[in-house]
Amino acid sequence: MNAGELNHKITIQKRSVIKDADGYEVEAWSDLCNYWASANEMGSKELYYAQKTFAESTAVFVLRYTQRVTMKMRVKYDNKLYEIIGLTPDGKRTELRISAREIV
């Protein structure tokens, strides 16, 4: 892995459930850690489902290998939020490839 390619800062966010002022449980996302990664936005497409149109954009982030990132987390990059849809470590466990879909 060439360190010069890791030139984008991404933030991994973790989901938690907290109680609001009225005692109801609400979902909250908090920053877990920051990583330097290469970011490749793969493109977007429009989907028509149940008489509604949806836009979908995908990206791949490559960073140094870590075990901290799980499928239940999300990526924040360039003021966009991405749902993690795949985690693929390389054979030597030197890098981690995160496949993600933008949350629109």
Protein backbone atom coordinates (compact mmCIF):
# COMPACT_ATOMS: atom_id res chain seq x y z
CA MET A 1 0.00 0.00 0.00
CA ASN A 2 1.34 3.40 -1.00
CA ALA A 3 0.89 5.86 1.90
CA GLY A 4 0.55 8.74 -0.58
CA GLU A 5 -2.75 7.29 -1.81
CA LEU A 6 -4.29 7.61 1.66
CA ASN A 7 -5.04 11.29 1.19
CA HIS A 8 -8.69 11.55 2.26
CA LYS A 9 -9.82 11.76 5.86
CA ILE A 10 -12.86 9.62 6.71
CA THR A 11 -14.70 9.31 9.99
CA ILE A 12 -16.19 6.04 11.20
CA GLN A 13 -19.39 6.55 13.16
CA LYS A 14 -20.99 4.16 15.62
CA ARG A 15 -24.73 3.85 16.28
CA SER A 16 -26.01 4.08 19.80
CA VAL A 17 -29.41 4.36 21.43
CA ILE A 18 -29.96 7.16 23.93
CA LYS A 19 -32.98 8.45 25.80
CA ASP A 20 -34.34 11.87 24.97
CA ALA A 21 -35.77 14.37 27.46
CA ASP A 22 -39.13 12.55 27.46
CA GLY A 23 -37.54 9.16 28.14
CA TYR A 24 -37.98 7.76 24.62
CA GLU A 25 -35.15 5.84 23.01
CA VAL A 26 -33.73 7.54 19.94
CA GLU A 27 -30.94 6.57 17.56
CA ALA A 28 -27.78 8.66 17.70
CA TRP A 29 -24.51 8.42 15.78
CA SER A 30 -21.21 9.37 17.34
CA ASP A 31 -17.73 9.64 15.87
CA LEU A 32 -15.63 6.61 16.75
CA CYS A 33 -12.34 7.22 14.93
CA ASN A 34 -10.74 8.98 11.97
CA TYR A 35 -8.67 7.27 9.27
CA TRP A 36 -6.68 8.32 6.25
CA ALA A 37 -7.99 6.46 3.23
CA SER A 38 -8.21 6.49 -0.52
CA ALA A 39 -11.73 7.34 -1.63
CA ASN A 40 -13.17 6.23 -4.95
CA GLU A 41 -16.72 7.27 -5.70
CA MET A 42 -17.92 4.58 -8.08
CA GLY A 43 -20.96 6.30 -9.54
CA SER A 44 -24.66 6.65 -9.03
CA LYS A 45 -27.90 5.33 -10.41
CA GLU A 46 -31.60 5.96 -10.12
CA LEU A 47 -33.95 3.23 -9.00
CA TYR A 48 -37.71 3.08 -9.43
CA TYR A 49 -39.33 1.00 -6.70
CA ALA A 50 -42.88 0.97 -5.34
CA GLN A 51 -43.85 3.94 -7.51
CA LYS A 52 -41.03 6.07 -6.07
CA THR A 53 -37.70 7.14 -7.49
CA PHE A 54 -34.56 6.60 -5.41
CA ALA A 55 -31.01 7.77 -6.07
CA GLU A 56 -28.11 5.56 -5.07
CA SER A 57 -24.44 6.45 -5.02
CA THR A 58 -21.65 4.01 -4.15
CA ALA A 59 -18.05 4.44 -3.05
CA VAL A 60 -15.04 2.34 -2.04
CA PHE A 61 -12.69 3.42 0.74
CA VAL A 62 -9.32 1.72 1.24
CA LEU A 63 -7.45 2.20 4.52
CA ARG A 64 -4.84 0.45 6.62
CA TYR A 65 -6.18 -2.77 8.12
CA THR A 66 -8.10 -2.47 11.37
CA GLN A 67 -10.53 -4.69 13.26
CA ARG A 68 -12.39 -1.73 14.77
CA VAL A 69 -14.67 -1.22 11.76
CA THR A 70 -17.82 -3.39 11.57
CA MET A 71 -20.82 -3.64 9.28
CA LYS A 72 -23.00 -1.90 11.88
CA MET A 73 -21.08 1.36 11.49
CA ARG A 74 -21.13 4.06 8.83
CA VAL A 75 -18.62 6.31 7.06
CA LYS A 76 -18.69 10.09 7.01
CA TYR A 77 -16.72 11.57 4.11
CA ASP A 78 -16.89 14.96 2.42
CA ASN A 79 -20.07 15.93 4.32
CA LYS A 80 -21.80 12.76 3.07
CA LEU A 81 -22.86 9.69 5.02
CA TYR A 82 -22.29 6.16 3.70
CA GLU A 83 -23.81 2.88 4.89
CA ILE A 84 -21.22 0.11 4.97
CA ILE A 85 -22.28 -2.76 2.70
CA GLY A 86 -19.03 -4.73 2.61
CA LEU A 87 -15.69 -5.10 4.42
CA THR A 88 -12.88 -6.88 2.57
CA PRO A 89 -9.40 -7.26 4.08
CA ASP A 90 -6.57 -8.18 1.73
CA GLY A 91 -4.79 -11.51 2.20
CA LYS A 92 -1.93 -10.03 4.22
CA ARG A 93 -4.22 -7.94 6.42
CA THR A 94 -2.41 -4.75 5.49
CA GLU A 95 -5.42 -2.95 4.05
CA LEU A 96 -9.19 -2.92 4.45
CA ARG A 97 -11.57 -2.16 1.59
CA ILE A 98 -14.92 -0.67 2.63
CA SER A 99 -17.73 -0.82 0.08
CA ALA A 100 -20.41 1.72 0.93
CA ARG A 101 -23.68 3.20 -0.29
CA GLU A 102 -24.51 6.86 0.26
CA ILE A 103 -27.39 7.54 2.62
CA VAL A 104 -29.73 9.91 0.79
